[in-house]
N, C-alpha and C. Protein backbone atom coordinates (compact mmCIF):
# COMPACT_ATOMS: atom_id res chain seq x y z
N MET A 1 -20.37 -0.66 -8.17
CA MET A 1 -19.68 -1.56 -7.48
C MET A 1 -18.30 -1.35 -7.25
N ALA A 2 -17.70 -1.32 -6.32
CA ALA A 2 -16.81 -1.30 -5.55
C ALA A 2 -15.49 -2.52 -6.02
N LEU A 3 -13.96 -2.08 -6.18
CA LEU A 3 -13.12 -3.14 -6.98
C LEU A 3 -12.78 -3.56 -5.79
N LYS A 4 -11.77 -4.32 -6.19
CA LYS A 4 -11.50 -5.68 -5.26
C LYS A 4 -9.79 -5.59 -5.45
N ILE A 5 -9.62 -5.39 -4.35
CA ILE A 5 -8.02 -5.81 -3.98
C ILE A 5 -7.13 -6.37 -3.53
N GLN A 6 -6.25 -6.75 -4.85
CA GLN A 6 -5.12 -7.75 -5.17
C GLN A 6 -4.35 -8.00 -5.15
N TRP A 7 -3.71 -8.54 -4.05
CA TRP A 7 -1.96 -8.61 -4.19
C TRP A 7 -0.29 -8.56 -4.74
N TYR A 8 0.48 -8.45 -5.45
CA TYR A 8 1.39 -9.06 -5.95
C TYR A 8 1.48 -9.60 -4.57
N LYS A 9 2.99 -10.79 -5.06
CA LYS A 9 3.07 -11.57 -3.99
C LYS A 9 4.22 -10.89 -3.26
N LYS A 10 4.72 -9.94 -4.06
CA LYS A 10 6.08 -9.56 -3.85
C LYS A 10 5.69 -8.46 -2.27
N ALA A 11 4.74 -7.88 -3.32
CA ALA A 11 4.26 -6.23 -1.98
C ALA A 11 3.73 -7.04 -1.23
N GLU A 12 2.94 -8.58 -1.04
CA GLU A 12 1.98 -8.96 0.38
C GLU A 12 3.54 -9.54 1.30
N THR A 13 4.63 -10.18 0.92
CA THR A 13 5.41 -10.51 1.66
C THR A 13 6.38 -9.62 2.28
N LYS A 14 6.22 -7.99 1.95
CA LYS A 14 6.82 -6.89 2.14
C LYS A 14 6.31 -6.18 3.12
N PHE A 15 4.65 -6.48 3.12
CA PHE A 15 3.87 -6.16 3.65
C PHE A 15 3.76 -6.67 5.22
N ASP A 16 3.74 -7.59 5.21
CA ASP A 16 4.25 -9.08 6.10
C ASP A 16 5.57 -8.86 6.97
N LYS A 17 6.72 -8.58 6.06
CA LYS A 17 7.86 -8.24 6.95
C LYS A 17 7.84 -6.91 7.48
N ILE A 18 7.05 -6.01 7.15
CA ILE A 18 6.93 -4.77 8.05
C ILE A 18 5.89 -4.66 8.99
N LEU A 19 5.25 -5.66 9.03
CA LEU A 19 3.46 -5.44 10.15
C LEU A 19 4.63 -6.15 11.10
N LYS A 20 5.81 -7.18 10.80
CA LYS A 20 6.47 -7.85 12.10
C LYS A 20 7.84 -6.47 12.24
N ARG A 21 7.80 -5.97 12.30
CA ARG A 21 8.63 -5.16 12.41
C ARG A 21 7.99 -4.72 13.57
N VAL A 22 7.05 -4.04 12.72
CA VAL A 22 6.15 -3.39 13.51
C VAL A 22 5.53 -3.85 14.80
N GLU A 23 5.12 -4.66 14.72
CA GLU A 23 5.24 -5.86 16.37
C GLU A 23 5.97 -5.91 17.31
N ASP A 24 7.11 -6.39 16.22
CA ASP A 24 8.35 -6.66 17.30
C ASP A 24 9.25 -5.22 18.15
N ASP A 25 9.10 -4.00 17.16
CA ASP A 25 9.45 -2.76 17.80
C ASP A 25 8.16 -1.66 18.68
N TRP A 26 7.16 -2.54 18.63
CA TRP A 26 6.51 -1.22 19.22
C TRP A 26 4.81 -1.98 19.40
N GLY A 27 5.32 -3.14 19.03
CA GLY A 27 3.89 -4.08 19.91
C GLY A 27 2.51 -4.59 18.94
N LYS A 28 1.80 -5.19 19.27
CA LYS A 28 0.95 -6.43 18.66
C LYS A 28 -0.17 -5.05 18.23
N LYS A 29 -0.78 -3.75 19.40
CA LYS A 29 -1.71 -3.23 19.40
C LYS A 29 -1.35 -2.15 18.07
N SER A 30 -0.07 -1.73 17.68
CA SER A 30 0.37 -1.02 16.48
C SER A 30 0.53 -1.09 15.72
N ALA A 31 1.00 -2.50 15.44
CA ALA A 31 0.74 -3.53 14.30
C ALA A 31 -1.29 -3.16 14.09
N LYS A 32 -1.71 -3.77 14.67
CA LYS A 32 -3.08 -3.82 14.68
C LYS A 32 -3.70 -2.42 13.68
N ASP A 33 -2.90 -1.49 14.50
CA ASP A 33 -3.54 -0.28 14.40
C ASP A 33 -3.49 0.22 12.82
N LEU A 34 -1.80 -0.33 12.21
CA LEU A 34 -1.56 -0.29 10.81
C LEU A 34 -2.06 -0.98 9.27
N ILE A 35 -2.72 -2.26 10.74
CA ILE A 35 -3.47 -2.80 9.55
C ILE A 35 -4.59 -1.94 9.34
N GLN A 36 -5.08 -1.71 10.70
CA GLN A 36 -6.86 -1.11 10.50
C GLN A 36 -6.22 0.23 9.71
N LYS A 37 -5.55 0.79 9.49
CA LYS A 37 -4.85 2.02 8.89
C LYS A 37 -5.36 1.64 7.06
N VAL A 38 -4.17 0.65 6.64
CA VAL A 38 -4.32 0.32 5.71
C VAL A 38 -5.07 -0.13 4.82
N ASN A 39 -6.20 -0.90 5.54
CA ASN A 39 -8.32 -1.66 5.50
C ASN A 39 -8.67 -0.31 4.75
N ARG A 40 -9.02 1.08 5.67
CA ARG A 40 -9.26 2.35 5.49
C ARG A 40 -8.79 2.98 4.32
N VAL A 41 -7.66 2.79 3.92
CA VAL A 41 -7.26 3.62 2.53
C VAL A 41 -8.17 2.84 1.41
N PHE A 42 -7.81 1.14 1.91
CA PHE A 42 -8.14 0.40 0.58
C PHE A 42 -9.58 0.79 0.26
N ASP A 43 -10.50 0.21 1.66
CA ASP A 43 -11.94 0.93 1.38
C ASP A 43 -12.42 2.25 0.49
N LEU A 44 -11.42 3.19 1.00
CA LEU A 44 -11.24 4.45 -0.19
C LEU A 44 -10.84 4.22 -1.60
N LEU A 45 -10.20 3.67 -1.88
CA LEU A 45 -9.53 3.08 -2.85
C LEU A 45 -10.25 2.41 -3.80
N THR A 46 -11.39 1.28 -3.20
CA THR A 46 -11.66 0.65 -4.23
C THR A 46 -13.42 1.36 -4.42
N LYS A 47 -13.62 2.96 -4.14
CA LYS A 47 -14.67 3.47 -4.64
C LYS A 47 -14.06 4.74 -5.37
N TYR A 48 -12.86 4.77 -5.05
CA TYR A 48 -12.15 6.12 -5.78
C TYR A 48 -11.18 5.77 -6.23
N PRO A 49 -10.41 4.72 -6.86
CA PRO A 49 -9.05 4.09 -7.19
C PRO A 49 -8.47 5.37 -8.12
N GLU A 50 -8.32 6.63 -8.40
CA GLU A 50 -7.33 7.22 -8.84
C GLU A 50 -7.37 8.25 -7.66
N LEU A 51 -7.80 8.52 -6.25
CA LEU A 51 -7.07 8.63 -5.12
C LEU A 51 -5.80 9.01 -4.99
N GLY A 52 -4.76 8.33 -5.53
CA GLY A 52 -3.43 8.75 -4.71
C GLY A 52 -2.98 9.10 -6.19
N THR A 53 -1.71 9.44 -5.88
CA THR A 53 -0.75 10.64 -6.77
C THR A 53 -0.14 9.73 -8.23
N VAL A 54 -0.20 10.08 -9.21
CA VAL A 54 0.63 9.32 -10.27
C VAL A 54 2.04 9.21 -10.46
N GLU A 55 3.20 8.17 -9.75
CA GLU A 55 3.72 7.89 -9.55
C GLU A 55 5.32 7.62 -10.78
N VAL A 56 4.66 6.97 -11.83
CA VAL A 56 4.52 6.18 -13.21
C VAL A 56 3.38 6.20 -14.39
N PRO A 57 3.68 7.33 -14.78
CA PRO A 57 2.29 8.22 -15.93
C PRO A 57 2.20 7.09 -16.59
N ASP A 58 3.69 6.54 -17.86
CA ASP A 58 3.30 5.43 -18.92
C ASP A 58 2.56 3.81 -18.33
N ARG A 59 2.62 3.59 -17.18
CA ARG A 59 2.31 2.54 -16.71
C ARG A 59 0.88 2.81 -15.42
N ASN A 60 0.56 3.55 -15.33
CA ASN A 60 -0.83 4.38 -14.83
C ASN A 60 -0.34 3.32 -13.63
N ILE A 61 1.16 3.89 -12.79
CA ILE A 61 1.18 3.58 -11.24
C ILE A 61 1.01 4.20 -11.27
N ARG A 62 0.38 4.61 -9.37
CA ARG A 62 -0.28 5.70 -8.19
C ARG A 62 0.57 4.88 -7.03
N GLY A 63 0.67 6.09 -6.16
CA GLY A 63 1.22 5.58 -5.02
C GLY A 63 -0.18 6.62 -3.43
N ILE A 64 0.76 5.88 -2.70
CA ILE A 64 -0.57 6.49 -1.73
C ILE A 64 0.66 5.87 0.01
N LEU A 65 0.55 7.83 0.72
CA LEU A 65 0.97 7.29 1.97
C LEU A 65 0.21 6.82 2.93
N ILE A 66 0.13 5.93 3.57
CA ILE A 66 -0.61 5.40 4.65
C ILE A 66 -0.28 5.56 5.78
N VAL A 67 1.00 5.67 6.25
CA VAL A 67 1.26 6.11 7.60
C VAL A 67 2.83 6.99 7.20
N LYS A 68 3.20 7.80 8.07
CA LYS A 68 4.42 8.59 7.92
C LYS A 68 5.77 7.67 7.25
N GLN A 69 5.38 6.10 7.70
CA GLN A 69 6.83 5.30 6.96
C GLN A 69 6.26 3.95 5.90
N LEU A 70 4.95 4.57 5.14
CA LEU A 70 4.47 2.98 4.62
C LEU A 70 3.45 4.03 3.41
N ARG A 71 4.33 3.74 2.68
CA ARG A 71 3.75 4.21 1.01
C ARG A 71 3.52 2.76 -0.01
N ILE A 72 2.09 2.83 -0.39
CA ILE A 72 1.78 1.20 -1.12
C ILE A 72 1.67 2.07 -2.73
N PHE A 73 2.45 1.44 -3.36
CA PHE A 73 1.77 1.80 -5.19
C PHE A 73 0.96 0.89 -5.75
N TYR A 74 0.52 1.13 -6.32
CA TYR A 74 -1.07 0.55 -6.63
C TYR A 74 -0.99 0.95 -8.73
N VAL A 75 -2.34 -0.66 -9.10
CA VAL A 75 -2.30 0.25 -10.76
C VAL A 75 -4.08 -0.07 -10.41
N PRO A 76 -4.98 1.51 -10.71
CA PRO A 76 -6.11 0.30 -11.40
C PRO A 76 -6.84 0.23 -12.28
N GLY A 77 -7.26 -0.70 -11.83
CA GLY A 77 -8.01 -1.83 -13.70
C GLY A 77 -9.33 -1.41 -13.51
N GLN A 78 -10.18 -2.30 -14.66
CA GLN A 78 -11.11 -2.27 -14.73
C GLN A 78 -12.41 -3.06 -13.10
N ASN A 79 -11.32 -4.10 -13.19
CA ASN A 79 -12.21 -4.60 -11.58
C ASN A 79 -11.65 -4.91 -10.30
N SER A 80 -10.12 -4.45 -10.30
CA SER A 80 -9.42 -4.61 -9.08
C SER A 80 -8.71 -3.47 -8.89
N ILE A 81 -7.95 -3.45 -7.88
CA ILE A 81 -6.94 -2.43 -8.04
C ILE A 81 -5.94 -3.34 -7.22
N LYS A 82 -4.26 -3.26 -8.04
CA LYS A 82 -3.35 -4.45 -8.02
C LYS A 82 -2.61 -3.45 -7.36
N ILE A 83 -2.02 -4.13 -5.75
CA ILE A 83 -1.38 -3.55 -5.36
C ILE A 83 0.20 -4.36 -5.69
N ILE A 84 1.46 -3.57 -6.18
CA ILE A 84 2.03 -4.25 -6.79
C ILE A 84 3.46 -3.82 -5.83
N GLN A 85 3.43 -2.45 -4.95
CA GLN A 85 4.92 -2.74 -4.17
C GLN A 85 4.08 -1.99 -3.05
N VAL A 86 5.41 -2.08 -1.89
CA VAL A 86 5.14 -1.18 -0.42
C VAL A 86 5.96 -0.95 -0.30
N PHE A 87 6.77 0.07 0.26
CA PHE A 87 7.44 0.44 0.96
C PHE A 87 7.66 0.67 2.23
N ASP A 88 9.11 0.72 2.69
CA ASP A 88 8.95 1.57 4.68
C ASP A 88 9.66 2.58 4.01
N THR A 89 9.45 3.77 3.98
CA THR A 89 10.37 4.97 3.86
C THR A 89 10.93 5.72 3.86
N ARG A 90 11.66 4.60 5.09
CA ARG A 90 13.28 4.47 6.02
C ARG A 90 13.89 4.27 5.48
N GLU A 91 13.50 2.73 4.42
CA GLU A 91 14.40 2.35 3.82
C GLU A 91 14.86 3.46 3.06
N ASN A 92 14.45 3.99 1.76
CA ASN A 92 14.41 4.97 0.80
C ASN A 92 13.18 5.90 0.51
N PRO A 93 13.27 7.00 1.62
CA PRO A 93 11.74 7.71 0.82
C PRO A 93 11.77 8.02 -0.54
N LYS A 94 12.41 8.07 -1.02
CA LYS A 94 12.23 8.79 -2.83
C LYS A 94 12.50 7.31 -4.04
N ARG A 95 12.07 6.59 -3.20
CA ARG A 95 11.97 5.35 -4.27
C ARG A 95 11.16 5.06 -5.06
N LYS A 96 10.91 4.98 -5.97
CA LYS A 96 9.43 4.62 -6.79
C LYS A 96 9.66 3.59 -7.96
N PRO A 97 7.96 2.49 -7.65
CA PRO A 97 8.74 0.98 -8.74
C PRO A 97 8.68 1.90 -10.37
N LYS A 98 9.33 1.28 -11.04
CA LYS A 98 10.00 1.11 -12.37
C LYS A 98 8.90 0.82 -12.79
């Protein structure tokens, strides 16, 4: 059985801001393409939750690069994948969740 994706509100808000910026800078098609890429990665994560790299071992936080400019941090659980943070790597490429 595949896991469900659950967004933390802060991560969802950040992703919406990134989508808006992509749409403003490169158009609606680019924003739709980004959504499709995220959904493809989420499809993989629901089947293979250990796919991302371990970023914070003591909290089981994993990260996965969606595209060069977008990194998502998540915590795999028994029934769900919790999306805890979304980063635009152009803002601070080395930043990780705490």
